[in-house]
Amino acid sequence: MCSSDLIVDPAGPEFMKLAILSRALATGAEPAEQRPEYAELQARIARLFELTEQDFAHILETFPLIPREVRSASLARFIDLP
């Protein structure tokens, strides 16, 4: 799948959830990566790209400047999503 194949219906529930999470992160007082919405947004986007758990874990490991606990929270949320 390439990014041009990724289509999210702007009237659909997944788009709305992404919009709500993005808005919450944009308007929060603390840094985005310190908020639970950040892990949720990362996990949902990974699901949209149809990543496997192993692929997402590998990608997260390539971002050493993101704290390990944030990366772990993102992976945990990914696993918990239906």
N, C-alpha and C. Protein backbone atom coordinates (compact mmCIF):
# COMPACT_ATOMS: atom_id res chain seq x y z
N MET A 1 0.84 -1.17 0.00
CA MET A 1 0.00 0.00 0.00
C MET A 1 0.89 1.23 0.00
N CYS A 2 0.58 2.17 -0.85
CA CYS A 2 1.30 3.45 -0.81
C CYS A 2 0.36 4.50 -0.25
N SER A 3 0.94 5.62 0.16
CA SER A 3 0.13 6.64 0.83
C SER A 3 -1.01 7.15 -0.06
N SER A 4 -0.85 7.09 -1.36
CA SER A 4 -1.93 7.55 -2.23
C SER A 4 -3.12 6.59 -2.19
N ASP A 5 -2.90 5.34 -1.73
CA ASP A 5 -3.98 4.38 -1.59
C ASP A 5 -4.75 4.57 -0.28
N LEU A 6 -4.20 5.35 0.61
CA LEU A 6 -4.82 5.55 1.92
C LEU A 6 -5.94 6.57 1.79
N ILE A 7 -7.16 6.08 1.91
CA ILE A 7 -8.32 6.96 1.79
C ILE A 7 -9.16 6.81 3.04
N VAL A 8 -9.42 7.93 3.69
CA VAL A 8 -10.28 7.94 4.87
C VAL A 8 -11.46 8.83 4.54
N ASP A 9 -12.63 8.28 4.64
CA ASP A 9 -13.86 9.02 4.35
C ASP A 9 -13.99 10.17 5.35
N PRO A 10 -13.97 11.43 4.87
CA PRO A 10 -14.05 12.56 5.79
C PRO A 10 -15.37 12.64 6.56
N ALA A 11 -16.35 11.87 6.16
CA ALA A 11 -17.61 11.83 6.89
C ALA A 11 -17.68 10.61 7.81
N GLY A 12 -16.66 9.76 7.74
CA GLY A 12 -16.69 8.52 8.50
C GLY A 12 -16.19 8.66 9.93
N PRO A 13 -16.45 7.64 10.73
CA PRO A 13 -16.09 7.70 12.15
C PRO A 13 -14.58 7.72 12.39
N GLU A 14 -13.81 7.05 11.55
CA GLU A 14 -12.35 7.04 11.76
C GLU A 14 -11.76 8.42 11.53
N PHE A 15 -12.22 9.10 10.50
CA PHE A 15 -11.75 10.46 10.24
C PHE A 15 -12.11 11.38 11.40
N MET A 16 -13.33 11.24 11.89
CA MET A 16 -13.76 12.08 13.01
C MET A 16 -12.91 11.84 14.25
N LYS A 17 -12.57 10.57 14.51
CA LYS A 17 -11.74 10.25 15.66
C LYS A 17 -10.35 10.88 15.49
N LEU A 18 -9.78 10.79 14.30
CA LEU A 18 -8.47 11.40 14.03
C LEU A 18 -8.54 12.91 14.21
N ALA A 19 -9.62 13.52 13.75
CA ALA A 19 -9.78 14.97 13.88
C ALA A 19 -9.87 15.38 15.35
N ILE A 20 -10.64 14.63 16.12
CA ILE A 20 -10.79 14.94 17.55
C ILE A 20 -9.45 14.81 18.27
N LEU A 21 -8.73 13.73 17.99
CA LEU A 21 -7.42 13.54 18.63
C LEU A 21 -6.44 14.63 18.23
N SER A 22 -6.43 14.98 16.96
CA SER A 22 -5.52 16.03 16.48
C SER A 22 -5.84 17.37 17.13
N ARG A 23 -7.12 17.68 17.21
CA ARG A 23 -7.54 18.93 17.82
C ARG A 23 -7.15 18.98 19.30
N ALA A 24 -7.34 17.87 20.00
CA ALA A 24 -6.98 17.81 21.41
C ALA A 24 -5.48 18.03 21.61
N LEU A 25 -4.68 17.45 20.74
CA LEU A 25 -3.23 17.62 20.84
C LEU A 25 -2.81 19.05 20.50
N ALA A 26 -3.48 19.64 19.55
CA ALA A 26 -3.13 21.00 19.12
C ALA A 26 -3.49 22.06 20.15
N THR A 27 -4.48 21.78 20.97
CA THR A 27 -4.95 22.79 21.91
C THR A 27 -4.50 22.54 23.35
N GLY A 28 -3.77 21.47 23.58
CA GLY A 28 -3.34 21.16 24.94
C GLY A 28 -2.19 22.04 25.40
N ALA A 29 -2.07 22.18 26.71
CA ALA A 29 -1.01 23.03 27.28
C ALA A 29 0.33 22.31 27.33
N GLU A 30 0.32 21.02 27.62
CA GLU A 30 1.59 20.30 27.72
C GLU A 30 2.01 19.77 26.35
N PRO A 31 3.27 19.35 26.22
CA PRO A 31 3.74 18.81 24.94
C PRO A 31 2.87 17.63 24.49
N ALA A 32 2.62 17.58 23.20
CA ALA A 32 1.70 16.57 22.64
C ALA A 32 2.11 15.15 23.03
N GLU A 33 3.40 14.83 22.95
CA GLU A 33 3.81 13.45 23.21
C GLU A 33 3.65 13.03 24.67
N GLN A 34 3.34 13.97 25.54
CA GLN A 34 3.10 13.64 26.94
C GLN A 34 1.63 13.36 27.23
N ARG A 35 0.80 13.45 26.22
CA ARG A 35 -0.65 13.26 26.40
C ARG A 35 -1.06 11.90 25.84
N PRO A 36 -2.07 11.26 26.45
CA PRO A 36 -2.51 9.94 25.97
C PRO A 36 -3.06 9.97 24.54
N GLU A 37 -3.55 11.12 24.13
CA GLU A 37 -4.08 11.24 22.76
C GLU A 37 -2.98 11.02 21.72
N TYR A 38 -1.74 11.32 22.07
CA TYR A 38 -0.63 11.15 21.13
C TYR A 38 -0.47 9.66 20.78
N ALA A 39 -0.42 8.81 21.80
CA ALA A 39 -0.28 7.36 21.56
C ALA A 39 -1.46 6.84 20.76
N GLU A 40 -2.64 7.30 21.09
CA GLU A 40 -3.85 6.87 20.37
C GLU A 40 -3.78 7.28 18.90
N LEU A 41 -3.37 8.51 18.63
CA LEU A 41 -3.28 8.98 17.25
C LEU A 41 -2.25 8.17 16.47
N GLN A 42 -1.09 7.93 17.07
CA GLN A 42 -0.05 7.15 16.40
C GLN A 42 -0.56 5.74 16.08
N ALA A 43 -1.24 5.13 17.04
CA ALA A 43 -1.75 3.77 16.85
C ALA A 43 -2.81 3.72 15.75
N ARG A 44 -3.72 4.67 15.75
CA ARG A 44 -4.78 4.68 14.74
C ARG A 44 -4.22 4.90 13.33
N ILE A 45 -3.25 5.76 13.21
CA ILE A 45 -2.63 5.99 11.90
C ILE A 45 -1.90 4.73 11.43
N ALA A 46 -1.21 4.07 12.34
CA ALA A 46 -0.53 2.82 11.98
C ALA A 46 -1.54 1.78 11.50
N ARG A 47 -2.69 1.72 12.14
CA ARG A 47 -3.76 0.80 11.71
C ARG A 47 -4.26 1.17 10.30
N LEU A 48 -4.41 2.46 10.05
CA LEU A 48 -4.86 2.88 8.72
C LEU A 48 -3.89 2.44 7.63
N PHE A 49 -2.60 2.44 7.96
CA PHE A 49 -1.58 1.99 7.01
C PHE A 49 -1.45 0.48 6.99
N GLU A 50 -2.30 -0.20 7.77
CA GLU A 50 -2.34 -1.67 7.83
C GLU A 50 -1.00 -2.26 8.23
N LEU A 51 -0.32 -1.60 9.17
CA LEU A 51 0.93 -2.13 9.68
C LEU A 51 0.66 -3.31 10.60
N THR A 52 1.60 -4.24 10.63
CA THR A 52 1.53 -5.31 11.61
C THR A 52 2.12 -4.79 12.92
N GLU A 53 1.88 -5.54 13.98
CA GLU A 53 2.47 -5.16 15.27
C GLU A 53 3.99 -5.09 15.18
N GLN A 54 4.58 -6.05 14.49
CA GLN A 54 6.04 -6.08 14.34
C GLN A 54 6.55 -4.88 13.54
N ASP A 55 5.84 -4.53 12.47
CA ASP A 55 6.24 -3.38 11.66
C ASP A 55 6.16 -2.08 12.46
N PHE A 56 5.06 -1.92 13.20
CA PHE A 56 4.90 -0.70 13.99
C PHE A 56 5.95 -0.62 15.09
N ALA A 57 6.24 -1.75 15.74
CA ALA A 57 7.28 -1.77 16.78
C ALA A 57 8.62 -1.37 16.18
N HIS A 58 8.92 -1.88 14.99
CA HIS A 58 10.19 -1.53 14.33
C HIS A 58 10.25 -0.03 14.02
N ILE A 59 9.17 0.49 13.47
CA ILE A 59 9.13 1.92 13.12
C ILE A 59 9.31 2.77 14.37
N LEU A 60 8.63 2.40 15.45
CA LEU A 60 8.76 3.17 16.70
C LEU A 60 10.20 3.18 17.19
N GLU A 61 10.91 2.08 17.02
CA GLU A 61 12.30 2.01 17.47
C GLU A 61 13.23 2.91 16.67
N THR A 62 12.78 3.36 15.52
CA THR A 62 13.63 4.24 14.70
C THR A 62 13.52 5.71 15.10
N PHE A 63 12.75 5.97 16.15
CA PHE A 63 12.59 7.34 16.65
C PHE A 63 13.15 7.45 18.07
N PRO A 64 14.49 7.43 18.21
CA PRO A 64 15.09 7.42 19.55
C PRO A 64 14.87 8.71 20.33
N LEU A 65 14.52 9.80 19.68
CA LEU A 65 14.30 11.05 20.40
C LEU A 65 12.93 11.10 21.07
N ILE A 66 12.04 10.20 20.67
CA ILE A 66 10.75 10.08 21.35
C ILE A 66 10.99 9.17 22.56
N PRO A 67 10.62 9.59 23.75
CA PRO A 67 10.88 8.78 24.94
C PRO A 67 10.32 7.35 24.80
N ARG A 68 11.06 6.40 25.34
CA ARG A 68 10.67 4.99 25.25
C ARG A 68 9.25 4.75 25.79
N GLU A 69 8.90 5.42 26.88
CA GLU A 69 7.57 5.19 27.45
C GLU A 69 6.46 5.67 26.50
N VAL A 70 6.74 6.68 25.72
CA VAL A 70 5.77 7.16 24.73
C VAL A 70 5.64 6.15 23.59
N ARG A 71 6.77 5.64 23.15
CA ARG A 71 6.75 4.62 22.09
C ARG A 71 6.03 3.35 22.58
N SER A 72 6.30 2.97 23.82
CA SER A 72 5.64 1.79 24.39
C SER A 72 4.14 2.00 24.50
N ALA A 73 3.73 3.19 24.91
CA ALA A 73 2.30 3.49 25.01
C ALA A 73 1.63 3.44 23.64
N SER A 74 2.32 3.92 22.63
CA SER A 74 1.77 3.89 21.27
C SER A 74 1.59 2.44 20.80
N LEU A 75 2.58 1.61 21.07
CA LEU A 75 2.48 0.21 20.66
C LEU A 75 1.39 -0.50 21.46
N ALA A 76 1.30 -0.23 22.74
CA ALA A 76 0.26 -0.85 23.57
C ALA A 76 -1.13 -0.47 23.06
N ARG A 77 -1.30 0.78 22.72
CA ARG A 77 -2.60 1.24 22.21
C ARG A 77 -2.90 0.58 20.87
N PHE A 78 -1.88 0.44 20.02
CA PHE A 78 -2.03 -0.24 18.73
C PHE A 78 -2.54 -1.66 18.93
N ILE A 79 -1.97 -2.36 19.89
CA ILE A 79 -2.35 -3.73 20.17
C ILE A 79 -3.80 -3.80 20.67
N ASP A 80 -4.20 -2.80 21.47
CA ASP A 80 -5.55 -2.79 22.04
C ASP A 80 -6.65 -2.40 21.06
N LEU A 81 -6.28 -1.71 19.98
CA LEU A 81 -7.30 -1.29 19.02
C LEU A 81 -7.88 -2.50 18.30
N PRO A 82 -9.17 -2.45 18.01
CA PRO A 82 -9.79 -3.58 17.26
C PRO A 82 -9.33 -3.62 15.83
